Amino acid sequence: MTPAPHLTLGPLLFHWPAAKWRDFYFRIADEADIDCVYLGEVVCAKREPLYAAHVPAVLDRLEAAGKQVVRSTLAVITDDREMEAVRHLAASGAMVEVNDAASLHELFGRPHVIGPYINVFNEGTYDVLTKGGAARVVLPVEVSARTIGLLAARGGETEVQIFGRQPLSVAMRCYHARSHGLTKDSCQFVCGLDPDGQPAETLDGRELLSINGTQTLSSGYMVQLRNLPALQALGVTHFRLSPQDIDMVETARLHRATLTHTLAADEAEDALRGLTGERPWQNGFLYGREGLAWVEAGI
């Protein structure tokens, strides 16, 4: 029997003002039909102190609403202070999403989540991580449907992203700052000027990628509404929405209704188009193609 699907909200990847950050999660707690919320800074450690004062209230609100909260950690850990933050979360007993392999030993033997920034592309890696305590593995966006099926068959909780810009890389240097003639150390938080990412174009003017601080993402949104039944059949247990600067409560409603078969995928897609506007949709990685491709036929 196929288990009931869990709808999750991945960590907010963009730099929003502290009040907007707080109010976003308050609304998710009060209105969104989401089972699990990932909370924490993944991209840049400099951002976290700006909204840290709101974290306790957001945690309380989410947990009071009955949502599981997983504390996400940085995708690139660069110094002892950032590693100490991981140790502190691990010692607190919180469920932690590990996004940098350097911090795996801090969670070894304790239940945790493997984030999508750790490359899990084969059964051997999956098995090693679950034996080390991983209760759930969030697969990278580049994984194809065939590989998802092989890994989900290992028996653990398996999560895949089904909506939002696709995270492609995180670097030490900050292109967002450089594009404004600044350095990473003196960035003035210019990434906050682009709440949904800064477009990056090819020389001929084609928008190809999106820049978010030190992170590179796809320009278009991954949309997998038509493939949700197939992903469930492959054994996927958790379905991730990645927050964008759109109505994420309505986005969650459309995905929940599709997962529970109360709304047809084509109807959900029509409604989602009204939220995403002219932003291109992408799903190519699932088909073993280039990630920016859009394939009409389901897997």
Protein backbone atom coordinates (compact mmCIF):
# COMPACT_ATOMS: atom_id res chain seq x y z
CA MET A 1 0.00 0.00 0.00
CA THR A 2 1.37 3.43 -1.00
CA PRO A 3 1.90 5.63 2.10
CA ALA A 4 0.15 8.99 2.32
CA PRO A 5 2.30 11.65 0.65
CA HIS A 6 3.95 14.35 2.75
CA LEU A 7 4.08 17.87 1.35
CA THR A 8 7.10 19.85 2.53
CA LEU A 9 8.36 23.42 2.23
CA GLY A 10 12.08 23.66 1.66
CA PRO A 11 14.21 26.40 3.25
CA LEU A 12 13.80 29.93 1.92
CA LEU A 13 16.84 30.45 -0.28
CA PHE A 14 16.49 34.20 -0.90
CA HIS A 15 17.35 37.20 1.26
CA TRP A 16 14.11 38.85 2.38
CA PRO A 17 13.67 41.63 4.96
CA ALA A 18 13.30 40.22 8.47
CA ALA A 19 9.64 41.26 8.81
CA LYS A 20 8.75 39.73 5.45
CA TRP A 21 10.63 36.54 6.42
CA ARG A 22 8.69 36.32 9.70
CA ASP A 23 5.29 37.08 8.16
CA PHE A 24 5.87 34.55 5.39
CA TYR A 25 6.34 31.75 7.90
CA PHE A 26 3.50 32.97 10.09
CA ARG A 27 1.19 32.67 7.09
CA ILE A 28 2.57 29.24 6.21
CA ALA A 29 1.86 28.14 9.80
CA ASP A 30 -1.67 29.52 9.82
CA GLU A 31 -2.87 28.83 6.28
CA ALA A 32 -0.71 26.38 4.31
CA ASP A 33 -1.59 22.68 4.04
CA ILE A 34 2.01 21.59 4.50
CA ASP A 35 3.28 18.76 6.70
CA CYS A 36 6.91 19.76 7.19
CA VAL A 37 8.76 23.08 7.03
CA TYR A 38 12.53 23.39 6.64
CA LEU A 39 13.78 26.46 8.48
CA GLY A 40 17.27 27.93 8.32
CA GLU A 41 19.93 29.60 6.22
CA VAL A 42 21.42 27.50 3.44
CA VAL A 43 23.13 30.06 1.20
CA CYS A 44 24.99 32.71 3.23
CA ALA A 45 25.83 32.80 6.94
CA LYS A 46 25.86 36.61 6.89
CA ARG A 47 22.08 36.71 6.42
CA GLU A 48 21.01 34.66 9.42
CA PRO A 49 21.66 37.26 12.17
CA LEU A 50 19.31 39.67 10.40
CA TYR A 51 16.24 37.52 11.12
CA ALA A 52 17.51 35.47 14.08
CA ALA A 53 15.36 37.39 16.57
CA HIS A 54 12.23 36.10 14.83
CA VAL A 55 13.23 32.41 14.77
CA PRO A 56 11.80 31.43 18.20
CA ALA A 57 8.38 32.93 17.41
CA VAL A 58 8.33 31.31 13.98
CA LEU A 59 9.28 27.93 15.46
CA ASP A 60 6.54 28.18 18.06
CA ARG A 61 3.94 29.18 15.46
CA LEU A 62 4.85 26.36 13.07
CA GLU A 63 4.92 23.70 15.79
CA ALA A 64 1.65 24.95 17.29
CA ALA A 65 0.11 24.48 13.84
CA GLY A 66 1.17 20.81 13.91
CA LYS A 67 3.93 21.07 11.33
CA GLN A 68 7.19 19.18 11.65
CA VAL A 69 10.11 21.63 11.65
CA VAL A 70 13.50 20.60 10.29
CA ARG A 71 16.42 22.98 10.84
CA SER A 72 18.37 23.46 7.63
CA THR A 73 22.11 24.17 7.64
CA LEU A 74 24.57 25.82 5.27
CA ALA A 75 25.44 24.19 1.96
CA VAL A 76 29.04 25.42 2.26
CA ILE A 77 30.59 25.59 5.73
CA THR A 78 33.66 27.82 5.74
CA ASP A 79 34.84 28.27 9.34
CA ASP A 80 34.70 26.97 12.91
CA ARG A 81 31.86 29.32 13.87
CA GLU A 82 29.60 27.88 11.18
CA MET A 83 30.51 24.34 12.22
CA GLU A 84 29.77 25.22 15.84
CA ALA A 85 26.26 26.28 14.78
CA VAL A 86 25.71 22.78 13.39
CA ARG A 87 27.00 21.25 16.63
CA HIS A 88 24.62 23.45 18.61
CA LEU A 89 21.61 22.35 16.54
CA ALA A 90 22.64 18.71 16.82
CA ALA A 91 22.99 18.98 20.61
CA SER A 92 19.60 20.67 20.89
CA GLY A 93 17.82 17.54 19.71
CA ALA A 94 16.30 19.28 16.69
CA MET A 95 15.84 17.38 13.45
CA VAL A 96 18.58 18.80 11.22
CA GLU A 97 18.94 18.91 7.44
CA VAL A 98 22.62 18.40 6.60
CA ASN A 99 23.66 20.19 3.41
CA ASP A 100 27.47 20.03 3.65
CA ALA A 101 29.20 16.67 3.95
CA ALA A 102 31.74 18.29 6.27
CA SER A 103 29.12 18.35 9.04
CA LEU A 104 27.91 14.76 8.62
CA HIS A 105 30.03 13.50 11.51
CA GLU A 106 28.25 15.91 13.87
CA LEU A 107 24.96 14.09 13.25
CA PHE A 108 26.32 10.55 12.90
CA GLY A 109 24.15 8.07 14.77
CA ARG A 110 21.36 10.63 15.35
CA PRO A 111 18.22 10.94 13.19
CA HIS A 112 18.71 13.65 10.58
CA VAL A 113 17.84 14.60 7.02
CA ILE A 114 20.27 14.58 4.11
CA GLY A 115 19.71 17.74 2.08
CA PRO A 116 19.80 18.07 -1.72
CA TYR A 117 23.28 19.66 -1.72
CA ILE A 118 24.88 16.33 -0.81
CA ASN A 119 25.21 14.24 -3.95
CA VAL A 120 23.21 11.05 -3.59
CA PHE A 121 23.12 9.39 -6.99
CA ASN A 122 23.56 5.68 -6.22
CA GLU A 123 22.44 2.97 -3.83
CA GLY A 124 25.81 2.71 -2.08
CA THR A 125 25.79 6.35 -1.03
CA TYR A 126 22.14 6.13 0.00
CA ASP A 127 22.82 3.08 2.16
CA VAL A 128 25.89 4.57 3.86
CA LEU A 129 23.99 7.71 4.80
CA THR A 130 20.92 5.90 6.13
CA LYS A 131 23.10 3.56 8.17
CA GLY A 132 24.70 6.67 9.66
CA GLY A 133 21.34 7.87 10.95
CA ALA A 134 19.70 9.63 8.02
CA ALA A 135 15.95 9.24 8.45
CA ARG A 136 15.23 10.96 5.13
CA VAL A 137 17.19 11.72 2.00
CA VAL A 138 16.34 14.72 -0.17
CA LEU A 139 17.65 13.89 -3.62
CA PRO A 140 19.44 16.43 -5.83
CA VAL A 141 17.27 18.03 -8.52
CA GLU A 142 19.45 16.48 -11.24
CA VAL A 143 18.33 12.92 -10.43
CA SER A 144 16.29 11.16 -13.12
CA ALA A 145 13.07 9.23 -12.54
CA ARG A 146 14.88 5.92 -13.06
CA THR A 147 17.40 6.75 -10.34
CA ILE A 148 14.68 8.03 -8.02
CA GLY A 149 12.95 4.67 -8.31
CA LEU A 150 16.13 2.75 -7.53
CA LEU A 151 16.92 4.88 -4.46
CA ALA A 152 13.37 5.05 -3.11
CA ALA A 153 13.28 1.25 -3.24
CA ARG A 154 15.96 1.17 -0.51
CA GLY A 155 13.14 1.61 1.99
CA GLY A 156 13.87 4.95 3.65
CA GLU A 157 11.99 8.23 3.41
CA THR A 158 12.83 9.81 0.07
CA GLU A 159 12.11 13.44 -0.79
CA VAL A 160 12.25 15.21 -4.14
CA GLN A 161 11.67 18.82 -5.15
CA ILE A 162 8.53 19.29 -7.24
CA PHE A 163 8.27 23.07 -7.49
CA GLY A 164 10.53 26.14 -7.58
CA ARG A 165 13.83 27.24 -8.97
CA GLN A 166 16.32 24.39 -9.16
CA PRO A 167 19.45 24.84 -7.00
CA LEU A 168 22.45 24.11 -9.21
CA SER A 169 25.53 25.23 -7.27
CA VAL A 170 26.82 27.18 -4.28
CA ALA A 171 30.24 28.85 -4.40
CA MET A 172 32.64 30.49 -1.97
CA ARG A 173 32.52 33.75 -3.94
CA CYS A 174 29.46 35.98 -4.27
CA TYR A 175 28.54 36.79 -7.85
CA HIS A 176 25.59 38.87 -6.65
CA ALA A 177 27.98 41.26 -4.89
CA ARG A 178 30.42 41.25 -7.78
CA SER A 179 27.66 42.22 -10.23
CA HIS A 180 27.25 45.41 -8.17
CA GLY A 181 30.98 46.13 -8.04
CA LEU A 182 31.26 44.86 -4.45
CA THR A 183 33.06 42.05 -2.67
CA LYS A 184 31.58 39.30 -0.54
CA ASP A 185 32.91 40.92 2.65
CA SER A 186 31.47 44.34 1.74
CA CYS A 187 28.36 43.12 -0.08
CA GLN A 188 25.88 45.51 1.56
CA PHE A 189 23.39 42.61 1.25
CA VAL A 190 22.58 43.55 -2.35
CA CYS A 191 21.03 40.09 -2.80
CA GLY A 192 18.05 41.58 -0.96
CA LEU A 193 17.33 43.68 -4.04
CA ASP A 194 16.23 40.51 -5.85
CA PRO A 195 13.69 38.65 -3.67
CA ASP A 196 13.26 35.97 -6.35
CA GLY A 197 16.83 35.95 -7.65
CA GLN A 198 18.83 38.09 -10.10
CA PRO A 199 18.47 37.08 -13.78
CA ALA A 200 21.65 36.02 -15.57
CA GLU A 201 21.55 36.20 -19.37
CA THR A 202 23.61 34.75 -22.17
CA LEU A 203 25.50 37.11 -24.51
CA ASP A 204 22.55 37.03 -26.91
CA GLY A 205 20.14 38.15 -24.17
CA ARG A 206 18.54 34.83 -23.27
CA GLU A 207 17.74 34.50 -19.57
CA LEU A 208 19.38 31.25 -18.53
CA LEU A 209 20.12 31.25 -14.79
CA SER A 210 19.23 33.07 -11.59
CA ILE A 211 21.81 34.35 -9.11
CA ASN A 212 21.12 34.40 -5.39
CA GLY A 213 24.15 35.54 -3.43
CA THR A 214 26.71 32.75 -3.74
CA GLN A 215 24.12 30.42 -5.26
CA THR A 216 23.23 29.68 -8.86
CA LEU A 217 19.74 28.43 -9.65
CA SER A 218 17.69 27.76 -12.75
CA SER A 219 15.92 30.72 -14.28
CA GLY A 220 12.67 28.82 -14.67
CA TYR A 221 10.60 27.02 -12.07
CA MET A 222 10.60 23.26 -11.78
CA VAL A 223 6.98 22.08 -12.06
CA GLN A 224 6.12 18.40 -11.64
CA LEU A 225 2.35 18.46 -11.11
CA ARG A 226 1.67 16.04 -13.97
CA ASN A 227 4.29 13.62 -12.61
CA LEU A 228 3.13 13.43 -8.98
CA PRO A 229 1.25 10.09 -9.37
CA ALA A 230 4.26 8.54 -11.07
CA LEU A 231 6.63 9.80 -8.37
CA GLN A 232 4.36 8.34 -5.70
CA ALA A 233 4.38 5.02 -7.55
CA LEU A 234 8.21 5.12 -7.59
CA GLY A 235 8.19 5.26 -3.78
CA VAL A 236 8.76 8.97 -3.13
CA THR A 237 7.36 9.81 0.33
CA HIS A 238 8.01 13.57 0.62
CA PHE A 239 7.37 16.24 -2.00
CA ARG A 240 9.20 19.57 -1.65
CA LEU A 241 8.05 23.02 -2.66
CA SER A 242 10.90 25.54 -2.78
CA PRO A 243 9.70 29.00 -1.68
CA GLN A 244 9.46 31.70 -4.33
CA ASP A 245 8.19 35.27 -4.10
CA ILE A 246 4.66 34.25 -5.09
CA ASP A 247 1.59 33.01 -3.21
CA MET A 248 3.04 29.86 -1.66
CA VAL A 249 -0.14 29.08 0.29
CA GLU A 250 -2.09 28.73 -2.95
CA THR A 251 0.83 26.88 -4.53
CA ALA A 252 0.70 24.40 -1.66
CA ARG A 253 -3.07 24.00 -2.05
CA LEU A 254 -2.74 23.12 -5.73
CA HIS A 255 -0.03 20.54 -5.06
CA ARG A 256 -1.90 19.00 -2.14
CA ALA A 257 -5.06 18.68 -4.20
CA THR A 258 -3.12 17.01 -7.00
CA LEU A 259 -1.34 14.64 -4.62
CA THR A 260 -4.66 13.58 -3.09
CA HIS A 261 -6.34 13.26 -6.50
CA THR A 262 -9.00 15.88 -5.73
CA LEU A 263 -7.81 18.10 -8.59
CA ALA A 264 -6.65 17.01 -12.02
CA ALA A 265 -3.07 17.89 -12.87
CA ASP A 266 -4.04 19.92 -15.95
CA GLU A 267 -6.45 22.02 -13.88
CA ALA A 268 -3.78 22.56 -11.24
CA GLU A 269 -1.31 23.60 -13.94
CA ASP A 270 -3.76 26.14 -15.34
CA ALA A 271 -4.19 27.67 -11.88
CA LEU A 272 -0.44 27.62 -11.19
CA ARG A 273 0.22 29.52 -14.43
CA GLY A 274 -1.76 32.37 -12.92
CA LEU A 275 0.75 32.49 -10.04
CA THR A 276 4.02 32.05 -11.94
CA GLY A 277 3.19 34.39 -14.82
CA GLU A 278 5.58 34.24 -17.77
CA ARG A 279 8.31 32.44 -15.81
CA PRO A 280 9.25 29.33 -17.87
CA TRP A 281 8.56 25.88 -16.46
CA GLN A 282 11.20 23.14 -16.45
CA ASN A 283 11.26 19.40 -15.72
CA GLY A 284 14.01 18.00 -17.92
CA PHE A 285 16.23 16.40 -15.28
CA LEU A 286 13.47 13.95 -14.33
CA TYR A 287 13.53 12.62 -17.90
CA GLY A 288 17.31 12.35 -18.05
CA ARG A 289 17.51 15.48 -20.18
CA GLU A 290 18.91 18.99 -19.69
CA GLY A 291 17.32 20.61 -16.67
CA LEU A 292 15.91 23.60 -18.54
CA ALA A 293 13.82 21.41 -20.84
CA TRP A 294 10.04 21.25 -20.56
CA VAL A 295 8.58 17.85 -21.48
CA GLU A 296 4.83 17.72 -22.01
CA ALA A 297 4.39 13.95 -21.67
CA GLY A 298 4.42 12.46 -18.18
CA ILE A 299 7.13 10.05 -17.10
